Amino acid sequence: HRSRIIRFDHVGVTVRNLDHVRAFFVGLGLEVEGRTFVEGEFLDT
């Protein structure tokens, strides 16, 4: 059995000014799904 991609979920972009870039994309029509801090073993890995 060959596993296949079901859907393209997201692309990640590292930015310096989160609020400025968020406002740019919201202005284009994207919607904020969530905002949070991430740290720990998972992120380090």
All heavy atoms as atom14 arrays in JSON, in Angstrom:
{
  "sequence": "HRSRIIRFDHVGVTVRNLDHVRAFFVGLGLEVEGRTFVEGEFLDT",
  "atom14_mask": [
    [1, 1, 1, 1, 1, 1, 1, 1, 1, 1, 0, 0, 0, 0],
    [1, 1, 1, 1, 1, 1, 1, 1, 1, 1, 1, 0, 0, 0],
    [1, 1, 1, 1, 1, 1, 0, 0, 0, 0, 0, 0, 0, 0],
    [1, 1, 1, 1, 1, 1, 1, 1, 1, 1, 1, 0, 0, 0],
    [1, 1, 1, 1, 1, 1, 1, 1, 0, 0, 0, 0, 0, 0],
    [1, 1, 1, 1, 1, 1, 1, 1, 0, 0, 0, 0, 0, 0],
    [1, 1, 1, 1, 1, 1, 1, 1, 1, 1, 1, 0, 0, 0],
    [1, 1, 1, 1, 1, 1, 1, 1, 1, 1, 1, 0, 0, 0],
    [1, 1, 1, 1, 1, 1, 1, 1, 0, 0, 0, 0, 0, 0],
    [1, 1, 1, 1, 1, 1, 1, 1, 1, 1, 0, 0, 0, 0],
    [1, 1, 1, 1, 1, 1, 1, 0, 0, 0, 0, 0, 0, 0],
    [1, 1, 1, 1, 0, 0, 0, 0, 0, 0, 0, 0, 0, 0],
    [1, 1, 1, 1, 1, 1, 1, 0, 0, 0, 0, 0, 0, 0],
    [1, 1, 1, 1, 1, 1, 1, 0, 0, 0, 0, 0, 0, 0],
    [1, 1, 1, 1, 1, 1, 1, 0, 0, 0, 0, 0, 0, 0],
    [1, 1, 1, 1, 1, 1, 1, 1, 1, 1, 1, 0, 0, 0],
    [1, 1, 1, 1, 1, 1, 1, 1, 0, 0, 0, 0, 0, 0],
    [1, 1, 1, 1, 1, 1, 1, 1, 0, 0, 0, 0, 0, 0],
    [1, 1, 1, 1, 1, 1, 1, 1, 0, 0, 0, 0, 0, 0],
    [1, 1, 1, 1, 1, 1, 1, 1, 1, 1, 0, 0, 0, 0],
    [1, 1, 1, 1, 1, 1, 1, 0, 0, 0, 0, 0, 0, 0],
    [1, 1, 1, 1, 1, 1, 1, 1, 1, 1, 1, 0, 0, 0],
    [1, 1, 1, 1, 1, 0, 0, 0, 0, 0, 0, 0, 0, 0],
    [1, 1, 1, 1, 1, 1, 1, 1, 1, 1, 1, 0, 0, 0],
    [1, 1, 1, 1, 1, 1, 1, 1, 1, 1, 1, 0, 0, 0],
    [1, 1, 1, 1, 1, 1, 1, 0, 0, 0, 0, 0, 0, 0],
    [1, 1, 1, 1, 0, 0, 0, 0, 0, 0, 0, 0, 0, 0],
    [1, 1, 1, 1, 1, 1, 1, 1, 0, 0, 0, 0, 0, 0],
    [1, 1, 1, 1, 0, 0, 0, 0, 0, 0, 0, 0, 0, 0],
    [1, 1, 1, 1, 1, 1, 1, 1, 0, 0, 0, 0, 0, 0],
    [1, 1, 1, 1, 1, 1, 1, 1, 1, 0, 0, 0, 0, 0],
    [1, 1, 1, 1, 1, 1, 1, 0, 0, 0, 0, 0, 0, 0],
    [1, 1, 1, 1, 1, 1, 1, 1, 1, 0, 0, 0, 0, 0],
    [1, 1, 1, 1, 0, 0, 0, 0, 0, 0, 0, 0, 0, 0],
    [1, 1, 1, 1, 1, 1, 1, 1, 1, 1, 1, 0, 0, 0],
    [1, 1, 1, 1, 1, 1, 1, 0, 0, 0, 0, 0, 0, 0],
    [1, 1, 1, 1, 1, 1, 1, 1, 1, 1, 1, 0, 0, 0],
    [1, 1, 1, 1, 1, 1, 1, 0, 0, 0, 0, 0, 0, 0],
    [1, 1, 1, 1, 1, 1, 1, 1, 1, 0, 0, 0, 0, 0],
    [1, 1, 1, 1, 0, 0, 0, 0, 0, 0, 0, 0, 0, 0],
    [1, 1, 1, 1, 1, 1, 1, 1, 1, 0, 0, 0, 0, 0],
    [1, 1, 1, 1, 1, 1, 1, 1, 1, 1, 1, 0, 0, 0],
    [1, 1, 1, 1, 1, 1, 1, 1, 0, 0, 0, 0, 0, 0],
    [1, 1, 1, 1, 1, 1, 1, 1, 0, 0, 0, 0, 0, 0],
    [1, 1, 1, 1, 1, 1, 1, 0, 0, 0, 0, 0, 0, 0]
  ],
  "atom14_positions": [
    [[0.84, -1.2, 0.0], [0.0, 0.0, 0.0], [0.88, 1.25, 0.0], [1.83, 1.35, 0.76], [-0.9, 0.01, 1.23], [-1.71, 1.26, 1.38], [-2.75, 1.54, 0.53], [-1.61, 2.29, 2.24], [-3.27, 2.72, 0.89], [-2.6, 3.18, 1.93], [0.0, 0.0, 0.0], [0.0, 0.0, 0.0], [0.0, 0.0, 0.0], [0.0, 0.0, 0.0]],
    [[0.56, 2.17, -0.86], [1.31, 3.42, -0.95], [0.52, 4.55, -0.31], [-0.62, 4.8, -0.7], [1.56, 3.73, -2.43], [2.86, 4.41, -2.64], [3.13, 4.53, -4.09], [3.29, 5.95, -4.35], [3.34, 6.49, -5.52], [3.22, 5.76, -6.59], [3.52, 7.77, -5.65], [0.0, 0.0, 0.0], [0.0, 0.0, 0.0], [0.0, 0.0, 0.0]],
    [[1.08, 5.21, 0.68], [0.42, 6.34, 1.33], [0.44, 7.54, 0.4], [1.42, 7.77, -0.31], [1.14, 6.66, 2.64], [0.54, 7.75, 3.26], [0.0, 0.0, 0.0], [0.0, 0.0, 0.0], [0.0, 0.0, 0.0], [0.0, 0.0, 0.0], [0.0, 0.0, 0.0], [0.0, 0.0, 0.0], [0.0, 0.0, 0.0], [0.0, 0.0, 0.0]],
    [[-0.64, 8.32, 0.4], [-0.73, 9.49, -0.46], [-1.1, 10.72, 0.36], [-1.73, 10.62, 1.4], [-1.77, 9.28, -1.55], [-1.42, 8.14, -2.46], [-2.36, 7.95, -3.6], [-3.63, 8.65, -3.44], [-4.69, 8.42, -4.17], [-4.66, 7.54, -5.11], [-5.81, 9.08, -3.98], [0.0, 0.0, 0.0], [0.0, 0.0, 0.0], [0.0, 0.0, 0.0]],
    [[-0.75, 11.86, -0.15], [-1.14, 13.11, 0.49], [-2.65, 13.27, 0.4], [-3.23, 13.06, -0.66], [-0.43, 14.3, -0.18], [1.08, 14.22, 0.06], [-1.0, 15.63, 0.31], [1.88, 15.26, -0.69], [0.0, 0.0, 0.0], [0.0, 0.0, 0.0], [0.0, 0.0, 0.0], [0.0, 0.0, 0.0], [0.0, 0.0, 0.0], [0.0, 0.0, 0.0]],
    [[-3.26, 13.67, 1.5], [-4.7, 13.89, 1.53], [-5.02, 15.34, 1.18], [-5.93, 15.62, 0.42], [-5.27, 13.54, 2.92], [-5.04, 12.05, 3.2], [-6.74, 13.9, 3.02], [-5.31, 11.65, 4.62], [0.0, 0.0, 0.0], [0.0, 0.0, 0.0], [0.0, 0.0, 0.0], [0.0, 0.0, 0.0], [0.0, 0.0, 0.0], [0.0, 0.0, 0.0]],
    [[-4.24, 16.26, 1.73], [-4.43, 17.69, 1.42], [-3.18, 18.45, 1.82], [-2.36, 17.95, 2.58], [-5.65, 18.25, 2.13], [-5.49, 18.38, 3.64], [-6.78, 18.88, 4.3], [-6.66, 18.82, 5.72], [-6.43, 19.86, 6.5], [-6.33, 21.06, 5.99], [-6.31, 19.72, 7.81], [0.0, 0.0, 0.0], [0.0, 0.0, 0.0], [0.0, 0.0, 0.0]],
    [[-3.04, 19.64, 1.32], [-1.94, 20.52, 1.67], [-2.44, 21.39, 2.8], [-3.29, 22.26, 2.6], [-1.55, 21.35, 0.44], [-0.37, 22.26, 0.64], [0.08, 23.01, -0.43], [0.29, 22.39, 1.83], [1.16, 23.87, -0.3], [1.37, 23.24, 1.99], [1.8, 23.98, 0.9], [0.0, 0.0, 0.0], [0.0, 0.0, 0.0], [0.0, 0.0, 0.0]],
    [[-1.96, 21.17, 4.02], [-2.51, 21.85, 5.19], [-2.01, 23.29, 5.35], [-2.81, 24.2, 5.5], [-2.2, 21.07, 6.47], [-2.87, 21.69, 7.66], [-4.11, 21.58, 7.75], [-2.18, 22.32, 8.48], [0.0, 0.0, 0.0], [0.0, 0.0, 0.0], [0.0, 0.0, 0.0], [0.0, 0.0, 0.0], [0.0, 0.0, 0.0], [0.0, 0.0, 0.0]],
    [[-0.7, 23.49, 5.38], [-0.2, 24.85, 5.58], [1.25, 24.97, 5.15], [1.95, 23.97, 4.97], [-0.35, 25.31, 7.03], [0.58, 24.63, 7.99], [0.3, 23.41, 8.56], [1.79, 25.0, 8.49], [1.29, 23.06, 9.36], [2.22, 24.0, 9.33], [0.0, 0.0, 0.0], [0.0, 0.0, 0.0], [0.0, 0.0, 0.0], [0.0, 0.0, 0.0]],
    [[1.7, 26.2, 5.01], [3.1, 26.51, 4.77], [3.53, 27.45, 5.89], [2.76, 28.3, 6.34], [3.31, 27.15, 3.37], [2.6, 28.48, 3.23], [4.79, 27.31, 3.06], [0.0, 0.0, 0.0], [0.0, 0.0, 0.0], [0.0, 0.0, 0.0], [0.0, 0.0, 0.0], [0.0, 0.0, 0.0], [0.0, 0.0, 0.0], [0.0, 0.0, 0.0]],
    [[4.75, 27.26, 6.38], [5.26, 28.1, 7.47], [6.22, 29.16, 6.96], [7.04, 28.89, 6.09], [0.0, 0.0, 0.0], [0.0, 0.0, 0.0], [0.0, 0.0, 0.0], [0.0, 0.0, 0.0], [0.0, 0.0, 0.0], [0.0, 0.0, 0.0], [0.0, 0.0, 0.0], [0.0, 0.0, 0.0], [0.0, 0.0, 0.0], [0.0, 0.0, 0.0]],
    [[6.08, 30.36, 7.51], [6.94, 31.47, 7.13], [7.45, 32.13, 8.42], [6.64, 32.52, 9.27], [6.19, 32.52, 6.28], [7.11, 33.66, 5.88], [5.54, 31.87, 5.06], [0.0, 0.0, 0.0], [0.0, 0.0, 0.0], [0.0, 0.0, 0.0], [0.0, 0.0, 0.0], [0.0, 0.0, 0.0], [0.0, 0.0, 0.0], [0.0, 0.0, 0.0]],
    [[8.75, 32.23, 8.57], [9.33, 32.9, 9.74], [9.46, 34.38, 9.44], [9.98, 34.77, 8.4], [10.72, 32.31, 10.07], [10.57, 30.9, 10.3], [11.31, 32.96, 11.31], [0.0, 0.0, 0.0], [0.0, 0.0, 0.0], [0.0, 0.0, 0.0], [0.0, 0.0, 0.0], [0.0, 0.0, 0.0], [0.0, 0.0, 0.0], [0.0, 0.0, 0.0]],
    [[8.95, 35.21, 10.35], [8.91, 36.66, 10.15], [9.47, 37.37, 11.38], [9.55, 36.8, 12.47], [7.47, 37.14, 9.87], [6.89, 36.45, 8.65], [6.56, 36.94, 11.08], [0.0, 0.0, 0.0], [0.0, 0.0, 0.0], [0.0, 0.0, 0.0], [0.0, 0.0, 0.0], [0.0, 0.0, 0.0], [0.0, 0.0, 0.0], [0.0, 0.0, 0.0]],
    [[9.87, 38.61, 11.21], [10.37, 39.4, 12.33], [9.21, 40.06, 13.08], [9.13, 40.02, 14.29], [11.37, 40.46, 11.86], [11.89, 41.31, 13.02], [13.11, 42.12, 12.69], [14.21, 41.36, 12.13], [15.03, 40.56, 12.82], [14.86, 40.41, 14.11], [16.0, 39.92, 12.23], [0.0, 0.0, 0.0], [0.0, 0.0, 0.0], [0.0, 0.0, 0.0]],
    [[8.3, 40.71, 12.37], [7.22, 41.45, 12.99], [5.89, 40.72, 12.75], [5.25, 40.91, 11.72], [7.17, 42.88, 12.43], [6.17, 43.75, 13.17], [5.1, 43.3, 13.57], [6.51, 45.02, 13.32], [0.0, 0.0, 0.0], [0.0, 0.0, 0.0], [0.0, 0.0, 0.0], [0.0, 0.0, 0.0], [0.0, 0.0, 0.0], [0.0, 0.0, 0.0]],
    [[5.51, 39.91, 13.7], [4.34, 39.05, 13.57], [3.05, 39.86, 13.33], [2.25, 39.51, 12.45], [4.21, 38.19, 14.82], [3.34, 36.95, 14.74], [3.83, 35.99, 13.67], [3.32, 36.25, 16.09], [0.0, 0.0, 0.0], [0.0, 0.0, 0.0], [0.0, 0.0, 0.0], [0.0, 0.0, 0.0], [0.0, 0.0, 0.0], [0.0, 0.0, 0.0]],
    [[2.86, 40.93, 14.07], [1.63, 41.71, 13.93], [1.54, 42.38, 12.57], [0.46, 42.42, 11.96], [1.53, 42.75, 15.05], [1.28, 42.1, 16.41], [0.57, 41.07, 16.46], [1.8, 42.62, 17.41], [0.0, 0.0, 0.0], [0.0, 0.0, 0.0], [0.0, 0.0, 0.0], [0.0, 0.0, 0.0], [0.0, 0.0, 0.0], [0.0, 0.0, 0.0]],
    [[2.64, 42.9, 12.09], [2.66, 43.58, 10.79], [2.33, 42.6, 9.66], [1.5, 42.89, 8.8], [4.02, 44.23, 10.58], [4.15, 44.99, 9.32], [3.6, 46.25, 9.14], [4.74, 44.67, 8.15], [3.85, 46.66, 7.92], [4.55, 45.73, 7.29], [0.0, 0.0, 0.0], [0.0, 0.0, 0.0], [0.0, 0.0, 0.0], [0.0, 0.0, 0.0]],
    [[2.97, 41.44, 9.68], [2.75, 40.46, 8.62], [1.36, 39.85, 8.73], [0.69, 39.61, 7.72], [3.86, 39.38, 8.63], [3.61, 38.34, 7.55], [5.22, 40.03, 8.44], [0.0, 0.0, 0.0], [0.0, 0.0, 0.0], [0.0, 0.0, 0.0], [0.0, 0.0, 0.0], [0.0, 0.0, 0.0], [0.0, 0.0, 0.0], [0.0, 0.0, 0.0]],
    [[0.89, 39.61, 9.95], [-0.48, 39.11, 10.14], [-1.48, 40.09, 9.53], [-2.38, 39.69, 8.79], [-0.8, 38.91, 11.62], [-2.24, 38.44, 11.87], [-2.71, 38.72, 13.3], [-2.42, 40.05, 13.77], [-3.13, 41.16, 13.48], [-4.18, 41.09, 12.71], [-2.78, 42.33, 13.97], [0.0, 0.0, 0.0], [0.0, 0.0, 0.0], [0.0, 0.0, 0.0]],
    [[-1.31, 41.38, 9.8], [-2.22, 42.39, 9.25], [-2.19, 42.39, 7.72], [-3.24, 42.56, 7.07], [-1.85, 43.77, 9.79], [0.0, 0.0, 0.0], [0.0, 0.0, 0.0], [0.0, 0.0, 0.0], [0.0, 0.0, 0.0], [0.0, 0.0, 0.0], [0.0, 0.0, 0.0], [0.0, 0.0, 0.0], [0.0, 0.0, 0.0], [0.0, 0.0, 0.0]],
    [[-1.03, 42.2, 7.13], [-0.91, 42.13, 5.67], [-1.78, 41.0, 5.12], [-2.59, 41.2, 4.21], [0.55, 41.93, 5.27], [0.75, 41.67, 3.8], [0.82, 42.74, 2.91], [0.85, 40.38, 3.31], [0.99, 42.5, 1.55], [1.03, 40.13, 1.96], [1.09, 41.21, 1.07], [0.0, 0.0, 0.0], [0.0, 0.0, 0.0], [0.0, 0.0, 0.0]],
    [[-1.64, 39.79, 5.69], [-2.4, 38.65, 5.18], [-3.88, 38.75, 5.51], [-4.72, 38.33, 4.7], [-1.81, 37.34, 5.7], [-0.56, 36.93, 4.99], [0.67, 36.96, 5.62], [-0.6, 36.51, 3.66], [1.83, 36.58, 4.96], [0.55, 36.13, 2.98], [1.77, 36.17, 3.63], [0.0, 0.0, 0.0], [0.0, 0.0, 0.0], [0.0, 0.0, 0.0]],
    [[-4.23, 39.29, 6.65], [-5.64, 39.49, 6.98], [-6.25, 40.49, 5.98], [-7.38, 40.31, 5.53], [-5.81, 39.96, 8.44], [-7.22, 40.48, 8.7], [-5.5, 38.8, 9.39], [0.0, 0.0, 0.0], [0.0, 0.0, 0.0], [0.0, 0.0, 0.0], [0.0, 0.0, 0.0], [0.0, 0.0, 0.0], [0.0, 0.0, 0.0], [0.0, 0.0, 0.0]],
    [[-5.46, 41.5, 5.59], [-5.93, 42.46, 4.59], [-6.22, 41.81, 3.25], [-7.07, 42.27, 2.49], [0.0, 0.0, 0.0], [0.0, 0.0, 0.0], [0.0, 0.0, 0.0], [0.0, 0.0, 0.0], [0.0, 0.0, 0.0], [0.0, 0.0, 0.0], [0.0, 0.0, 0.0], [0.0, 0.0, 0.0], [0.0, 0.0, 0.0], [0.0, 0.0, 0.0]],
    [[-5.52, 40.74, 2.94], [-5.77, 40.0, 1.7], [-7.01, 39.12, 1.8], [-7.52, 38.65, 0.79], [-4.57, 39.11, 1.34], [-3.32, 39.81, 0.84], [-2.21, 38.8, 0.63], [-3.59, 40.58, -0.44], [0.0, 0.0, 0.0], [0.0, 0.0, 0.0], [0.0, 0.0, 0.0], [0.0, 0.0, 0.0], [0.0, 0.0, 0.0], [0.0, 0.0, 0.0]],
    [[-7.46, 38.86, 3.03], [-8.66, 38.05, 3.21], [-8.48, 36.78, 4.0], [-9.44, 36.04, 4.22], [0.0, 0.0, 0.0], [0.0, 0.0, 0.0], [0.0, 0.0, 0.0], [0.0, 0.0, 0.0], [0.0, 0.0, 0.0], [0.0, 0.0, 0.0], [0.0, 0.0, 0.0], [0.0, 0.0, 0.0], [0.0, 0.0, 0.0], [0.0, 0.0, 0.0]],
    [[-7.24, 36.49, 4.45], [-7.06, 35.32, 5.3], [-7.64, 35.61, 6.68], [-7.74, 36.76, 7.1], [-5.57, 34.96, 5.43], [-4.88, 34.49, 4.15], [-3.43, 34.13, 4.45], [-5.59, 33.32, 3.53], [0.0, 0.0, 0.0], [0.0, 0.0, 0.0], [0.0, 0.0, 0.0], [0.0, 0.0, 0.0], [0.0, 0.0, 0.0], [0.0, 0.0, 0.0]],
    [[-8.02, 34.56, 7.38], [-8.61, 34.7, 8.7], [-7.71, 34.07, 9.75], [-7.08, 33.04, 9.5], [-9.98, 34.03, 8.72], [-10.95, 34.66, 7.73], [-12.25, 33.9, 7.58], [-12.35, 32.74, 8.07], [-13.17, 34.47, 6.96], [0.0, 0.0, 0.0], [0.0, 0.0, 0.0], [0.0, 0.0, 0.0], [0.0, 0.0, 0.0], [0.0, 0.0, 0.0]],
    [[-7.62, 34.71, 10.91], [-6.79, 34.19, 12.01], [-7.5, 32.98, 12.62], [-8.64, 33.08, 13.07], [-6.54, 35.26, 13.09], [-5.78, 34.67, 14.27], [-5.79, 36.45, 12.5], [0.0, 0.0, 0.0], [0.0, 0.0, 0.0], [0.0, 0.0, 0.0], [0.0, 0.0, 0.0], [0.0, 0.0, 0.0], [0.0, 0.0, 0.0], [0.0, 0.0, 0.0]],
    [[-6.8, 31.85, 12.58], [-7.34, 30.62, 13.17], [-6.91, 30.5, 14.63], [-7.63, 29.93, 15.45], [-6.84, 29.44, 12.36], [-7.39, 28.1, 12.81], [-6.93, 26.98, 11.91], [-5.81, 26.46, 12.12], [-7.68, 26.64, 10.99], [0.0, 0.0, 0.0], [0.0, 0.0, 0.0], [0.0, 0.0, 0.0], [0.0, 0.0, 0.0], [0.0, 0.0, 0.0]],
    [[-5.73, 31.01, 14.95], [-5.25, 30.93, 16.32], [-3.89, 31.57, 16.46], [-3.2, 31.84, 15.47], [0.0, 0.0, 0.0], [0.0, 0.0, 0.0], [0.0, 0.0, 0.0], [0.0, 0.0, 0.0], [0.0, 0.0, 0.0], [0.0, 0.0, 0.0], [0.0, 0.0, 0.0], [0.0, 0.0, 0.0], [0.0, 0.0, 0.0], [0.0, 0.0, 0.0]],
    [[-3.52, 31.85, 17.7], [-2.22, 32.46, 18.01], [-1.75, 31.88, 19.33], [-2.52, 31.81, 20.28], [-2.37, 33.98, 18.09], [-1.07, 34.71, 18.31], [-1.26, 36.21, 18.2], [0.01, 36.91, 18.32], [0.26, 38.07, 17.78], [-0.67, 38.71, 17.1], [1.43, 38.65, 17.94], [0.0, 0.0, 0.0], [0.0, 0.0, 0.0], [0.0, 0.0, 0.0]],
    [[-0.46, 31.48, 19.37], [0.05, 30.87, 20.6], [1.57, 30.9, 20.61], [2.21, 31.16, 19.58], [-0.45, 29.41, 20.74], [-0.14, 28.94, 22.05], [0.18, 28.5, 19.7], [0.0, 0.0, 0.0], [0.0, 0.0, 0.0], [0.0, 0.0, 0.0], [0.0, 0.0, 0.0], [0.0, 0.0, 0.0], [0.0, 0.0, 0.0], [0.0, 0.0, 0.0]],
    [[2.13, 30.64, 21.79], [3.57, 30.43, 21.93], [3.83, 28.93, 21.93], [3.03, 28.16, 22.45], [4.09, 31.04, 23.23], [4.17, 32.53, 23.21], [3.11, 33.3, 23.66], [5.3, 33.17, 22.72], [3.17, 34.68, 23.63], [5.37, 34.55, 22.68], [4.31, 35.31, 23.14], [0.0, 0.0, 0.0], [0.0, 0.0, 0.0], [0.0, 0.0, 0.0]],
    [[4.96, 28.54, 21.35], [5.36, 27.14, 21.33], [6.8, 27.05, 21.81], [7.65, 27.84, 21.38], [5.24, 26.54, 19.9], [5.66, 25.08, 19.9], [3.83, 26.7, 19.37], [0.0, 0.0, 0.0], [0.0, 0.0, 0.0], [0.0, 0.0, 0.0], [0.0, 0.0, 0.0], [0.0, 0.0, 0.0], [0.0, 0.0, 0.0], [0.0, 0.0, 0.0]],
    [[7.07, 26.09, 22.69], [8.43, 25.82, 23.15], [8.48, 24.41, 23.69], [7.45, 23.76, 23.82], [8.87, 26.83, 24.21], [8.07, 26.8, 25.49], [8.48, 27.91, 26.45], [9.68, 28.21, 26.56], [7.59, 28.47, 27.1], [0.0, 0.0, 0.0], [0.0, 0.0, 0.0], [0.0, 0.0, 0.0], [0.0, 0.0, 0.0], [0.0, 0.0, 0.0]],
    [[9.67, 23.93, 23.96], [9.81, 22.6, 24.53], [10.44, 21.62, 23.56], [10.92, 21.98, 22.49], [0.0, 0.0, 0.0], [0.0, 0.0, 0.0], [0.0, 0.0, 0.0], [0.0, 0.0, 0.0], [0.0, 0.0, 0.0], [0.0, 0.0, 0.0], [0.0, 0.0, 0.0], [0.0, 0.0, 0.0], [0.0, 0.0, 0.0], [0.0, 0.0, 0.0]],
    [[10.41, 20.36, 23.97], [11.1, 19.31, 23.23], [10.64, 19.19, 21.78], [11.46, 19.02, 20.88], [10.91, 17.97, 23.95], [11.68, 16.83, 23.31], [11.47, 15.51, 24.04], [10.97, 15.51, 25.18], [11.83, 14.49, 23.44], [0.0, 0.0, 0.0], [0.0, 0.0, 0.0], [0.0, 0.0, 0.0], [0.0, 0.0, 0.0], [0.0, 0.0, 0.0]],
    [[9.32, 19.28, 21.54], [8.82, 19.15, 20.17], [9.43, 20.23, 19.27], [9.97, 19.95, 18.21], [7.3, 19.23, 20.13], [6.75, 19.32, 18.73], [6.71, 18.19, 17.91], [6.31, 20.52, 18.21], [6.23, 18.26, 16.61], [5.83, 20.61, 16.91], [5.79, 19.48, 16.11], [0.0, 0.0, 0.0], [0.0, 0.0, 0.0], [0.0, 0.0, 0.0]],
    [[9.35, 21.48, 19.69], [9.88, 22.58, 18.88], [11.39, 22.46, 18.71], [11.91, 22.64, 17.6], [9.52, 23.94, 19.49], [9.97, 25.15, 18.67], [9.27, 25.19, 17.31], [9.7, 26.44, 19.44], [0.0, 0.0, 0.0], [0.0, 0.0, 0.0], [0.0, 0.0, 0.0], [0.0, 0.0, 0.0], [0.0, 0.0, 0.0], [0.0, 0.0, 0.0]],
    [[12.08, 22.13, 19.79], [13.54, 21.96, 19.71], [13.9, 20.89, 18.68], [14.87, 21.02, 17.93], [14.12, 21.57, 21.07], [13.99, 22.68, 22.1], [13.55, 23.8, 21.76], [14.33, 22.42, 23.27], [0.0, 0.0, 0.0], [0.0, 0.0, 0.0], [0.0, 0.0, 0.0], [0.0, 0.0, 0.0], [0.0, 0.0, 0.0], [0.0, 0.0, 0.0]],
    [[13.09, 19.83, 18.62], [13.36, 18.73, 17.7], [13.07, 19.12, 16.25], [13.9, 18.91, 15.37], [12.52, 17.49, 18.08], [12.88, 17.1, 19.41], [12.78, 16.34, 17.12], [0.0, 0.0, 0.0], [0.0, 0.0, 0.0], [0.0, 0.0, 0.0], [0.0, 0.0, 0.0], [0.0, 0.0, 0.0], [0.0, 0.0, 0.0], [0.0, 0.0, 0.0]]
  ]
}
